Amino acid sequence: MAPAKKKSEKEATPKAPKARKAAAPAAAAPRKRAAAKPALPAVAAEERQKLVELEAYFVAEKDGFRGDSKNYWITAEAIVEARLAGKK
């Protein structure tokens, strides 16, 4: 029989486990929501009606009263809704 080979130093020393990267922290604490904007006061139906009537008049006046009153009204409703929502 042939004599057994000696293990080199690299083969003889046990390998140490590789260091693992630090684990990411557990789920971060949930972020707090920004404070909500205060709600605008509700407008009564009668008040809204008056606002739309007045705005429809101004829209018609700007057009020289040459258009359709329904279109003036629809335009006025959109304008009033935008103003009430704070989108001047």
C-alpha atoms as a PDB file:
ATOM      1  CA  MET A   1       0.000   0.000   0.000  1.00  0.00           C
ATOM      2  CA  ALA A   2       1.005   3.493  -0.702  1.00  0.00           C
ATOM      3  CA  PRO A   3       1.557   5.872   2.181  1.00  0.00           C
ATOM      4  CA  ALA A   4      -1.369   8.256   2.804  1.00  0.00           C
ATOM      5  CA  LYS A   5      -0.901  11.827   1.666  1.00  0.00           C
ATOM      6  CA  LYS A   6      -0.756  14.469   4.319  1.00  0.00           C
ATOM      7  CA  LYS A   7      -3.473  17.077   4.124  1.00  0.00           C
ATOM      8  CA  SER A   8      -2.251  20.529   3.323  1.00  0.00           C
ATOM      9  CA  GLU A   9      -2.872  23.270   5.852  1.00  0.00           C
ATOM     10  CA  LYS A  10      -5.739  24.635   3.796  1.00  0.00           C
ATOM     11  CA  GLU A  11      -7.516  21.315   3.777  1.00  0.00           C
ATOM     12  CA  ALA A  12      -6.777  20.546   7.444  1.00  0.00           C
ATOM     13  CA  THR A  13      -8.244  23.718   8.969  1.00  0.00           C
ATOM     14  CA  PRO A  14     -12.027  23.754   9.236  1.00  0.00           C
ATOM     15  CA  LYS A  15     -13.750  26.560   7.414  1.00  0.00           C
ATOM     16  CA  ALA A  16     -15.422  29.177   9.561  1.00  0.00           C
ATOM     17  CA  PRO A  17     -18.948  30.098   8.552  1.00  0.00           C
ATOM     18  CA  LYS A  18     -19.141  33.319   6.575  1.00  0.00           C
ATOM     19  CA  ALA A  19     -20.506  36.314   8.438  1.00  0.00           C
ATOM     20  CA  ARG A  20     -24.027  37.170   7.428  1.00  0.00           C
ATOM     21  CA  LYS A  21     -25.195  40.676   6.764  1.00  0.00           C
ATOM     22  CA  ALA A  22     -27.191  42.203   9.576  1.00  0.00           C
ATOM     23  CA  ALA A  23     -30.856  41.522   9.092  1.00  0.00           C
ATOM     24  CA  ALA A  24     -33.030  44.474   8.239  1.00  0.00           C
ATOM     25  CA  PRO A  25     -35.013  45.713  11.223  1.00  0.00           C
ATOM     26  CA  ALA A  26     -38.497  44.327  11.532  1.00  0.00           C
ATOM     27  CA  ALA A  27     -41.245  46.285   9.823  1.00  0.00           C
ATOM     28  CA  ALA A  28     -40.825  49.943  10.604  1.00  0.00           C
ATOM     29  CA  ALA A  29     -43.383  51.601  12.774  1.00  0.00           C
ATOM     30  CA  PRO A  30     -46.325  52.817  10.697  1.00  0.00           C
ATOM     31  CA  ARG A  31     -46.126  56.472   9.764  1.00  0.00           C
ATOM     32  CA  LYS A  32     -48.649  58.822  11.201  1.00  0.00           C
ATOM     33  CA  ARG A  33     -50.990  60.484   8.767  1.00  0.00           C
ATOM     34  CA  ALA A  34     -50.856  64.202   8.332  1.00  0.00           C
ATOM     35  CA  ALA A  35     -53.608  66.093  10.039  1.00  0.00           C
ATOM     36  CA  ALA A  36     -56.702  66.216   7.858  1.00  0.00           C
ATOM     37  CA  LYS A  37     -57.860  69.588   6.604  1.00  0.00           C
ATOM     38  CA  PRO A  38     -60.827  70.900   8.529  1.00  0.00           C
ATOM     39  CA  ALA A  39     -64.083  70.237   6.736  1.00  0.00           C
ATOM     40  CA  LEU A  40     -65.778  73.205   5.157  1.00  0.00           C
ATOM     41  CA  PRO A  41     -69.126  74.079   6.644  1.00  0.00           C
ATOM     42  CA  ALA A  42     -72.006  72.506   4.796  1.00  0.00           C
ATOM     43  CA  VAL A  43     -74.107  74.814   2.669  1.00  0.00           C
ATOM     44  CA  ALA A  44     -77.863  74.499   2.850  1.00  0.00           C
ATOM     45  CA  ALA A  45     -79.677  73.569  -0.359  1.00  0.00           C
ATOM     46  CA  GLU A  46     -81.439  76.941  -0.479  1.00  0.00           C
ATOM     47  CA  GLU A  47     -78.165  78.823  -0.126  1.00  0.00           C
ATOM     48  CA  ARG A  48     -76.556  76.711  -2.833  1.00  0.00           C
ATOM     49  CA  GLN A  49     -79.517  77.390  -5.115  1.00  0.00           C
ATOM     50  CA  LYS A  50     -79.105  81.137  -4.633  1.00  0.00           C
ATOM     51  CA  LEU A  51     -75.374  80.919  -5.330  1.00  0.00           C
ATOM     52  CA  VAL A  52     -75.988  79.003  -8.572  1.00  0.00           C
ATOM     53  CA  GLU A  53     -78.715  81.463  -9.678  1.00  0.00           C
ATOM     54  CA  LEU A  54     -76.423  84.420  -9.136  1.00  0.00           C
ATOM     55  CA  GLU A  55     -73.472  82.744 -10.833  1.00  0.00           C
ATOM     56  CA  ALA A  56     -75.634  81.692 -13.802  1.00  0.00           C
ATOM     57  CA  TYR A  57     -76.654  85.325 -14.231  1.00  0.00           C
ATOM     58  CA  PHE A  58     -73.013  86.446 -14.280  1.00  0.00           C
ATOM     59  CA  VAL A  59     -72.079  83.716 -16.773  1.00  0.00           C
ATOM     60  CA  ALA A  60     -74.960  84.736 -19.035  1.00  0.00           C
ATOM     61  CA  GLU A  61     -74.093  88.419 -18.703  1.00  0.00           C
ATOM     62  CA  LYS A  62     -70.496  87.702 -19.675  1.00  0.00           C
ATOM     63  CA  ASP A  63     -71.802  85.883 -22.770  1.00  0.00           C
ATOM     64  CA  GLY A  64     -74.130  88.745 -23.673  1.00  0.00           C
ATOM     65  CA  PHE A  65     -77.255  86.675 -22.917  1.00  0.00           C
ATOM     66  CA  ARG A  66     -76.939  85.019 -26.343  1.00  0.00           C
ATOM     67  CA  GLY A  67     -76.640  81.372 -25.225  1.00  0.00           C
ATOM     68  CA  ASP A  68     -78.851  78.678 -23.768  1.00  0.00           C
ATOM     69  CA  SER A  69     -79.964  79.170 -20.170  1.00  0.00           C
ATOM     70  CA  LYS A  70     -79.412  75.455 -19.415  1.00  0.00           C
ATOM     71  CA  ASN A  71     -75.754  75.776 -20.375  1.00  0.00           C
ATOM     72  CA  TYR A  72     -75.418  78.845 -18.181  1.00  0.00           C
ATOM     73  CA  TRP A  73     -76.935  76.935 -15.295  1.00  0.00           C
ATOM     74  CA  ILE A  74     -74.678  73.899 -15.745  1.00  0.00           C
ATOM     75  CA  THR A  75     -71.616  76.122 -15.944  1.00  0.00           C
ATOM     76  CA  ALA A  76     -72.726  77.998 -12.829  1.00  0.00           C
ATOM     77  CA  GLU A  77     -73.233  74.748 -10.909  1.00  0.00           C
ATOM     78  CA  ALA A  78     -69.693  73.650 -11.753  1.00  0.00           C
ATOM     79  CA  ILE A  79     -68.282  76.992 -10.646  1.00  0.00           C
ATOM     80  CA  VAL A  80     -70.190  76.965  -7.358  1.00  0.00           C
ATOM     81  CA  GLU A  81     -69.210  73.365  -6.603  1.00  0.00           C
ATOM     82  CA  ALA A  82     -65.546  74.191  -7.222  1.00  0.00           C
ATOM     83  CA  ARG A  83     -65.747  77.183  -4.916  1.00  0.00           C
ATOM     84  CA  LEU A  84     -67.472  75.223  -2.182  1.00  0.00           C
ATOM     85  CA  ALA A  85     -64.828  72.508  -2.440  1.00  0.00           C
ATOM     86  CA  GLY A  86     -62.144  75.152  -2.003  1.00  0.00           C
ATOM     87  CA  LYS A  87     -60.764  74.969  -5.550  1.00  0.00           C
ATOM     88  CA  LYS A  88     -61.343  78.587  -6.428  1.00  0.00           C
END
